[in-house]
Amino acid sequence: MHVQNRIVLLVTITVIWILAGILITFYEYFFLANYPGIYMTEPMQDYSLSKNMVAAISALGLGGLLFGLLELFYFQQKFSRQKFWVAVLKKFVIYATIMFVLIVLVSAFYNSILSSRNIFDDVTWQQVGAFIFSTAFWHPVLPYLILAILSSFILQLSERFGPNEMWKIFTGKYFNPKEENRIFMFLDLNDSTLIAEKLGNQKFYEFLNDFFHDIAHVIVRNKGEVVEYVGDLVVISWTIPTGISETRCLSCFHEFEEEITKQQQRYLNKYGLVPQFKAAVHCGKVIIGEMGKIKKSIKFSGDVLNTTSRVEKICGEIGAKLAITDQLVSILQNHRFIMEKVSNIKLKGKEKPVDIYKVTSPNTK
């Protein structure tokens, strides 16, 4: 995930945790208000809504910030290739441990200050022990743990199913099908059949999975959306404004090449070969909507998908690593790419021939 996107998500997580702290404080206040005279009892005489509100905002704000930093800048890399339940369980153990240590330290400092004793004094730690084994211990612990587990669970789901698709289904954006102008890239691995025969099914699966993982952050950085994986092919989509801005729909491919070049020694050591790939990019109108009942997902439908697939199939015939249509060329602005026009290409299933452009970046020509 791009650093800018992580920072935005970090701020969002922190704000959500702060809002949760405010809601919890109000809940406690109105819950207690239903019991007349409770504020007159000895434990509650010093109760203050404003002080509790400040404490909750401060504690959960810092908690949300710590959670977000761990999730976005450590756990996503550490646990990205582990089973869903294993990742959630490991995170729970880590968060519970951090929470326990922090609360014990805070309690120790609090008791030492309150009693004017040294933090290492036996009496101080006896008071800490009494607090840990009391019901009061769970008052600060439970909100943190519940928020951490829920937030972690949602982030894990988001990573598994894609943040954009999950949000669209949640908000019902495409519950009723809509027509949109979109850019599509069909990225396909070269010689996949031969590679599968050489590596075997298990090893080839790992090879393909490594490839898809390595290019994932490039897709996110260029604000693309993974539509689906089909065998050794990945379909990526952009809205028209997003895809043509900074020529992301083309830059993305060359960043794939740069990323795989960086990783080539790892591929050679593990598999004895490096992924080679080609891609086609096209644009046009598609229908987007939720489809299915047992496994509901956002689906795209339209001739633009068929055309992109056909262009990808002939990349080898015209000697192109990256091929795009004249329809896409017509909307690109201020691009830095070298384009070689190949005229009157007959695509399977199409009556009229089309013009296709072979694309290279200036430093690879």
Protein backbone atom coordinates (compact mmCIF):
# COMPACT_ATOMS: atom_id res chain seq x y z
CA MET A 1 0.00 0.00 0.00
CA HIS A 2 1.30 3.45 -0.92
CA VAL A 3 2.53 5.55 2.02
CA GLN A 4 0.01 8.33 1.32
CA ASN A 5 -2.87 5.82 1.34
CA ARG A 6 -1.55 4.34 4.59
CA ILE A 7 -1.43 7.75 6.25
CA VAL A 8 -5.03 8.51 5.19
CA LEU A 9 -6.13 5.12 6.55
CA LEU A 10 -4.13 5.70 9.75
CA VAL A 11 -5.94 9.00 10.35
CA THR A 12 -9.29 7.31 9.60
CA ILE A 13 -8.63 4.49 12.09
CA THR A 14 -7.56 6.96 14.79
CA VAL A 15 -10.68 9.11 14.28
CA ILE A 16 -12.94 6.02 14.42
CA TRP A 17 -11.32 4.93 17.69
CA ILE A 18 -11.78 8.42 19.15
CA LEU A 19 -15.46 8.40 18.14
CA ALA A 20 -15.79 4.98 19.76
CA GLY A 21 -14.29 6.42 22.97
CA ILE A 22 -16.84 9.26 22.93
CA LEU A 23 -19.72 6.82 22.42
CA ILE A 24 -18.49 4.54 25.20
CA THR A 25 -18.24 7.50 27.61
CA PHE A 26 -21.76 8.71 26.79
CA TYR A 27 -23.08 5.15 27.13
CA GLU A 28 -21.55 4.85 30.61
CA TYR A 29 -22.91 8.26 31.60
CA PHE A 30 -26.50 7.61 30.50
CA PHE A 31 -26.37 4.03 31.80
CA LEU A 32 -25.34 5.26 35.26
CA ALA A 33 -27.93 8.07 35.11
CA ASN A 34 -30.67 5.43 35.12
CA TYR A 35 -29.74 4.52 38.69
CA PRO A 36 -30.84 7.38 40.98
CA GLY A 37 -28.39 8.23 43.73
CA ILE A 38 -25.49 6.29 42.27
CA TYR A 39 -23.41 9.46 41.94
CA MET A 40 -23.75 9.96 45.69
CA THR A 41 -22.07 6.64 46.48
CA GLU A 42 -18.44 6.79 47.58
CA PRO A 43 -16.82 5.30 44.45
CA MET A 44 -18.78 7.65 42.15
CA GLN A 45 -18.61 10.95 44.05
CA ASP A 46 -15.69 12.17 41.95
CA TYR A 47 -17.24 11.08 38.64
CA SER A 48 -16.99 13.76 35.96
CA LEU A 49 -18.32 13.36 32.42
CA SER A 50 -15.89 15.92 31.03
CA LYS A 51 -12.84 14.31 32.68
CA ASN A 52 -13.90 10.84 31.55
CA MET A 53 -14.47 12.18 28.05
CA VAL A 54 -10.97 13.67 27.90
CA ALA A 55 -9.48 10.44 29.26
CA ALA A 56 -11.38 8.30 26.73
CA ILE A 57 -10.45 10.53 23.78
CA SER A 58 -6.79 10.57 24.83
CA ALA A 59 -6.56 6.85 25.57
CA LEU A 60 -8.47 5.60 22.53
CA GLY A 61 -6.85 8.19 20.28
CA LEU A 62 -3.40 6.93 21.26
CA GLY A 63 -4.67 3.35 21.09
CA GLY A 64 -6.03 3.86 17.58
CA LEU A 65 -2.79 5.48 16.47
CA LEU A 66 -0.72 2.60 17.87
CA PHE A 67 -3.08 0.03 16.34
CA GLY A 68 -2.97 1.75 12.95
CA LEU A 69 0.83 2.00 12.95
CA LEU A 70 1.17 -1.71 13.77
CA GLU A 71 -1.45 -2.83 11.26
CA LEU A 72 -0.46 -0.65 8.31
CA PHE A 73 3.30 -0.49 8.68
CA TYR A 74 4.11 -3.91 10.15
CA PHE A 75 1.34 -6.51 10.24
CA GLN A 76 0.27 -6.10 6.60
CA GLN A 77 3.73 -7.19 5.48
CA LYS A 78 4.31 -9.70 8.28
CA PHE A 79 1.00 -11.59 8.07
CA SER A 80 -0.09 -10.95 4.46
CA ARG A 81 0.64 -14.55 3.38
CA GLN A 82 -0.77 -16.33 6.41
CA LYS A 83 -4.15 -17.99 6.96
CA PHE A 84 -6.94 -15.59 7.87
CA TRP A 85 -7.66 -17.06 11.32
CA VAL A 86 -3.94 -17.50 12.11
CA ALA A 87 -3.26 -13.82 11.35
CA VAL A 88 -6.21 -12.65 13.48
CA LEU A 89 -5.23 -14.93 16.38
CA LYS A 90 -1.58 -13.80 16.34
CA LYS A 91 -2.63 -10.17 16.29
CA PHE A 92 -4.99 -10.77 19.22
CA VAL A 93 -2.15 -12.26 21.29
CA ILE A 94 0.18 -9.36 20.41
CA TYR A 95 -2.44 -6.70 21.18
CA ALA A 96 -3.41 -8.38 24.47
CA THR A 97 0.25 -8.57 25.51
CA ILE A 98 0.90 -4.91 24.62
CA MET A 99 -2.27 -3.89 26.43
CA PHE A 100 -1.37 -5.84 29.55
CA VAL A 101 2.18 -4.43 29.71
CA LEU A 102 1.01 -0.85 29.15
CA ILE A 103 -1.74 -1.05 31.78
CA VAL A 104 0.62 -2.64 34.32
CA LEU A 105 3.21 0.12 33.75
CA VAL A 106 0.61 2.89 33.92
CA SER A 107 -0.84 1.38 37.09
CA ALA A 108 2.62 1.16 38.64
CA PHE A 109 3.41 4.79 37.87
CA TYR A 110 -0.03 5.91 39.05
CA ASN A 111 0.24 4.06 42.37
CA SER A 112 3.79 5.21 43.00
CA ILE A 113 2.82 8.85 42.44
CA LEU A 114 -0.38 8.52 44.48
CA SER A 115 1.40 6.92 47.44
CA SER A 116 4.64 8.93 47.07
CA ARG A 117 6.60 5.70 46.92
CA ASN A 118 9.33 4.51 44.58
CA ILE A 119 8.01 2.64 41.55
CA PHE A 120 10.05 -0.40 42.58
CA ASP A 121 8.59 -0.43 46.10
CA ASP A 122 6.92 -3.73 47.09
CA VAL A 123 3.76 -1.91 48.25
CA THR A 124 3.42 -0.28 44.83
CA TRP A 125 3.49 -3.64 43.09
CA GLN A 126 1.11 -5.16 45.63
CA GLN A 127 -1.37 -2.44 44.67
CA VAL A 128 -0.74 -3.17 40.97
CA GLY A 129 -1.37 -6.86 41.60
CA ALA A 130 -4.61 -6.09 43.43
CA PHE A 131 -5.75 -3.96 40.48
CA ILE A 132 -4.88 -6.64 37.90
CA PHE A 133 -6.94 -9.29 39.68
CA SER A 134 -9.91 -7.00 40.28
CA THR A 135 -12.92 -6.40 38.03
CA ALA A 136 -11.76 -2.79 37.59
CA PHE A 137 -8.89 -4.11 35.43
CA TRP A 138 -11.30 -4.99 32.62
CA HIS A 139 -12.79 -1.50 32.41
CA PRO A 140 -9.88 -0.05 30.38
CA VAL A 141 -8.92 -3.38 28.76
CA LEU A 142 -12.18 -4.49 27.13
CA PRO A 143 -12.82 -1.42 24.92
CA TYR A 144 -9.24 -1.62 23.57
CA LEU A 145 -9.35 -5.34 22.86
CA ILE A 146 -12.82 -5.28 21.29
CA LEU A 147 -11.89 -2.34 19.06
CA ALA A 148 -8.54 -3.92 18.13
CA ILE A 149 -10.11 -7.27 17.18
CA LEU A 150 -12.98 -5.69 15.22
CA SER A 151 -10.65 -3.29 13.42
CA SER A 152 -8.15 -6.06 12.65
CA PHE A 153 -10.93 -8.36 11.41
CA ILE A 154 -12.29 -5.67 9.07
CA LEU A 155 -8.81 -4.84 7.74
CA GLN A 156 -8.14 -8.54 7.13
CA LEU A 157 -11.44 -8.85 5.22
CA SER A 158 -10.63 -5.70 3.27
CA GLU A 159 -7.26 -7.12 2.23
CA ARG A 160 -8.78 -10.50 1.29
CA PHE A 161 -11.64 -9.13 -0.81
CA GLY A 162 -10.31 -5.73 -1.85
CA PRO A 163 -11.09 -2.47 -0.02
CA ASN A 164 -12.92 -0.91 -2.97
CA GLU A 165 -15.19 -3.90 -3.62
CA MET A 166 -15.95 -4.40 0.06
CA TRP A 167 -16.89 -0.73 0.48
CA LYS A 168 -19.03 -0.74 -2.67
CA ILE A 169 -20.99 -3.78 -1.52
CA PHE A 170 -21.35 -2.30 1.99
CA THR A 171 -22.70 1.02 0.67
CA GLY A 172 -24.77 -0.61 -2.10
CA LYS A 173 -23.19 1.61 -4.76
CA TYR A 174 -23.77 -0.96 -7.50
CA PHE A 175 -26.80 -2.73 -6.05
CA ASN A 176 -28.62 -1.40 -9.09
CA PRO A 177 -26.38 -1.84 -12.19
CA LYS A 178 -24.76 1.33 -13.54
CA GLU A 179 -23.03 2.23 -16.78
CA GLU A 180 -19.56 3.74 -16.46
CA ASN A 181 -16.64 4.65 -18.68
CA ARG A 182 -13.68 2.54 -17.59
CA ILE A 183 -10.13 1.62 -18.56
CA PHE A 184 -9.18 -2.05 -18.43
CA MET A 185 -5.83 -3.81 -18.45
CA PHE A 186 -5.51 -7.54 -19.12
CA LEU A 187 -2.11 -8.62 -17.77
CA ASP A 188 -1.09 -12.13 -18.76
CA LEU A 189 1.92 -14.31 -17.91
CA ASN A 190 3.93 -15.52 -20.92
CA ASP A 191 4.42 -19.24 -21.61
CA SER A 192 2.43 -20.26 -18.56
CA THR A 193 1.73 -23.77 -19.92
CA LEU A 194 5.43 -24.48 -20.43
CA ILE A 195 6.28 -23.03 -17.02
CA ALA A 196 3.59 -25.19 -15.37
CA GLU A 197 5.02 -28.30 -17.05
CA LYS A 198 8.52 -27.41 -15.91
CA LEU A 199 7.66 -26.51 -12.30
CA GLY A 200 4.72 -28.82 -11.63
CA ASN A 201 1.31 -27.76 -10.34
CA GLN A 202 2.31 -26.95 -6.73
CA LYS A 203 5.42 -24.97 -7.63
CA PHE A 204 3.68 -23.17 -10.49
CA TYR A 205 0.91 -22.09 -8.12
CA GLU A 206 3.51 -20.63 -5.74
CA PHE A 207 5.26 -18.94 -8.69
CA LEU A 208 2.00 -17.35 -9.83
CA ASN A 209 1.06 -16.31 -6.31
CA ASP A 210 4.46 -14.68 -5.78
CA PHE A 211 4.02 -12.76 -9.03
CA PHE A 212 0.57 -11.47 -8.08
CA HIS A 213 1.81 -10.48 -4.61
CA ASP A 214 4.83 -8.63 -6.01
CA ILE A 215 2.77 -6.48 -8.38
CA ALA A 216 -0.05 -5.79 -5.89
CA HIS A 217 1.46 -2.67 -4.33
CA VAL A 218 2.16 -1.26 -7.83
CA ILE A 219 -1.54 -1.59 -8.67
CA VAL A 220 -2.51 0.16 -5.43
CA ARG A 221 0.09 2.90 -5.95
CA ASN A 222 -1.37 3.59 -9.40
CA LYS A 223 -4.93 3.57 -7.97
CA GLY A 224 -6.03 0.56 -9.98
CA GLU A 225 -8.66 -1.95 -8.90
CA VAL A 226 -8.18 -5.69 -9.30
CA VAL A 227 -11.35 -6.92 -11.01
CA GLU A 228 -10.43 -10.60 -10.89
CA TYR A 229 -7.72 -13.22 -11.30
CA VAL A 230 -8.35 -15.75 -14.06
CA GLY A 231 -5.68 -18.44 -14.08
CA ASP A 232 -2.43 -16.67 -14.95
CA LEU A 233 -4.20 -13.45 -15.94
CA VAL A 234 -5.18 -10.47 -13.81
CA VAL A 235 -7.79 -7.91 -14.87
CA ILE A 236 -7.20 -4.36 -13.60
CA SER A 237 -9.55 -1.40 -13.94
CA TRP A 238 -9.51 2.38 -13.52
CA THR A 239 -12.13 5.06 -13.87
CA ILE A 240 -11.29 7.23 -16.89
CA PRO A 241 -10.11 10.28 -14.89
CA THR A 242 -7.99 8.17 -12.53
CA GLY A 243 -6.44 6.03 -15.27
CA ILE A 244 -5.39 8.85 -17.59
CA SER A 245 -4.15 11.08 -14.76
CA GLU A 246 -0.36 10.81 -14.78
CA THR A 247 -0.93 8.10 -17.43
CA ARG A 248 -1.35 5.57 -14.62
CA CYS A 249 -2.90 2.93 -16.89
CA LEU A 250 0.40 2.72 -18.83
CA SER A 251 2.91 3.64 -16.12
CA CYS A 252 1.56 0.74 -14.11
CA PHE A 253 2.89 -1.81 -16.63
CA HIS A 254 6.40 -0.41 -16.65
CA GLU A 255 6.44 -0.30 -12.87
CA PHE A 256 5.52 -3.99 -12.95
CA GLU A 257 8.64 -4.59 -15.03
CA GLU A 258 10.79 -2.58 -12.63
CA GLU A 259 9.43 -4.47 -9.61
CA ILE A 260 10.01 -7.90 -11.16
CA THR A 261 13.53 -6.84 -12.20
CA LYS A 262 14.24 -6.00 -8.55
CA GLN A 263 12.98 -9.43 -7.52
CA GLN A 264 14.55 -11.44 -10.35
CA GLN A 265 17.33 -13.01 -8.24
CA ARG A 266 14.75 -14.29 -5.76
CA TYR A 267 12.76 -15.84 -8.62
CA LEU A 268 15.89 -17.41 -10.12
CA ASN A 269 16.93 -18.87 -6.78
CA LYS A 270 13.47 -20.25 -6.04
CA TYR A 271 12.16 -21.23 -9.48
CA GLY A 272 15.03 -20.97 -11.94
CA LEU A 273 13.18 -18.42 -14.07
CA VAL A 274 11.76 -14.90 -13.96
CA PRO A 275 8.14 -13.97 -14.87
CA GLN A 276 7.69 -12.45 -18.31
CA PHE A 277 4.35 -10.90 -19.17
CA LYS A 278 2.34 -8.86 -21.65
CA ALA A 279 -0.70 -6.64 -21.37
CA ALA A 280 -3.44 -4.94 -23.34
CA VAL A 281 -5.24 -1.74 -22.32
CA HIS A 282 -8.56 -0.50 -23.71
CA CYS A 283 -11.37 1.78 -22.58
CA GLY A 284 -15.11 2.10 -23.04
CA LYS A 285 -18.50 1.79 -21.40
CA VAL A 286 -19.34 -1.15 -19.14
CA ILE A 287 -22.22 -2.16 -16.92
CA ILE A 288 -21.21 -2.58 -13.28
CA GLY A 289 -23.37 -4.27 -10.67
CA GLU A 290 -23.62 -6.75 -7.84
CA MET A 291 -24.04 -10.29 -9.09
CA GLY A 292 -24.66 -13.60 -7.38
CA LYS A 293 -26.32 -14.72 -4.19
CA ILE A 294 -24.12 -17.34 -2.51
CA LYS A 295 -20.91 -15.45 -3.38
CA LYS A 296 -21.93 -11.90 -4.21
CA SER A 297 -19.36 -9.68 -5.92
CA ILE A 298 -19.06 -6.64 -8.18
CA LYS A 299 -19.06 -7.72 -11.84
CA PHE A 300 -18.28 -5.83 -15.05
CA SER A 301 -20.01 -6.56 -18.34
CA GLY A 302 -19.56 -5.10 -21.82
CA ASP A 303 -17.85 -5.36 -25.17
CA VAL A 304 -14.84 -3.41 -23.86
CA LEU A 305 -13.81 -6.49 -21.85
CA ASN A 306 -14.02 -8.76 -24.90
CA THR A 307 -12.02 -6.30 -26.99
CA THR A 308 -9.30 -5.97 -24.35
CA SER A 309 -9.04 -9.74 -24.15
CA ARG A 310 -8.73 -10.03 -27.94
CA VAL A 311 -6.00 -7.37 -28.06
CA GLU A 312 -4.06 -9.17 -25.34
CA LYS A 313 -4.22 -12.40 -27.36
CA ILE A 314 -2.46 -10.82 -30.37
CA CYS A 315 0.33 -9.10 -28.41
CA GLY A 316 2.68 -11.91 -29.37
CA GLU A 317 1.75 -11.70 -33.06
CA ILE A 318 2.59 -8.00 -33.32
CA GLY A 319 5.63 -8.22 -31.03
CA ALA A 320 4.22 -6.05 -28.24
CA LYS A 321 4.73 -6.29 -24.51
CA LEU A 322 2.11 -3.59 -24.01
CA ALA A 323 -0.59 -2.90 -26.61
CA ILE A 324 -3.33 -0.30 -26.45
CA THR A 325 -6.22 0.67 -28.70
CA ASP A 326 -6.68 3.86 -30.70
CA GLN A 327 -9.72 4.58 -28.54
CA LEU A 328 -7.47 4.83 -25.48
CA VAL A 329 -4.81 6.84 -27.34
CA SER A 330 -7.42 9.45 -28.20
CA ILE A 331 -8.01 10.30 -24.52
CA LEU A 332 -4.41 10.20 -23.26
CA GLN A 333 -2.78 13.55 -22.58
CA ASN A 334 0.83 14.65 -22.16
CA HIS A 335 2.15 11.10 -22.02
CA ARG A 336 5.87 10.27 -22.19
CA PHE A 337 5.51 6.96 -24.00
CA ILE A 338 6.69 5.93 -27.44
CA MET A 339 3.86 4.50 -29.52
CA GLU A 340 4.12 2.55 -32.74
CA LYS A 341 0.91 2.25 -34.71
CA VAL A 342 -0.09 -1.12 -36.17
CA SER A 343 -3.00 -0.53 -38.56
CA ASN A 344 -5.96 -2.63 -39.63
CA ILE A 345 -5.68 -5.44 -37.11
CA LYS A 346 -8.46 -7.99 -37.39
CA LEU A 347 -9.65 -9.10 -33.97
CA LYS A 348 -11.52 -12.35 -33.49
CA GLY A 349 -15.26 -11.75 -33.29
CA LYS A 350 -14.97 -8.19 -34.66
CA GLU A 351 -16.25 -7.17 -38.07
CA LYS A 352 -14.20 -4.02 -38.46
CA PRO A 353 -10.39 -3.96 -38.17
CA VAL A 354 -8.89 -1.76 -35.47
CA ASP A 355 -5.70 0.25 -35.03
CA ILE A 356 -3.47 -0.88 -32.19
CA TYR A 357 -0.40 0.79 -30.72
CA LYS A 358 2.69 -0.94 -29.37
CA VAL A 359 3.87 1.02 -26.35
CA THR A 360 7.31 1.42 -24.82
CA SER A 361 8.64 3.95 -22.36
CA PRO A 362 11.37 6.37 -23.60
CA ASN A 363 14.13 4.68 -21.61
CA THR A 364 13.39 1.17 -22.91
CA LYS A 365 13.10 1.85 -26.65
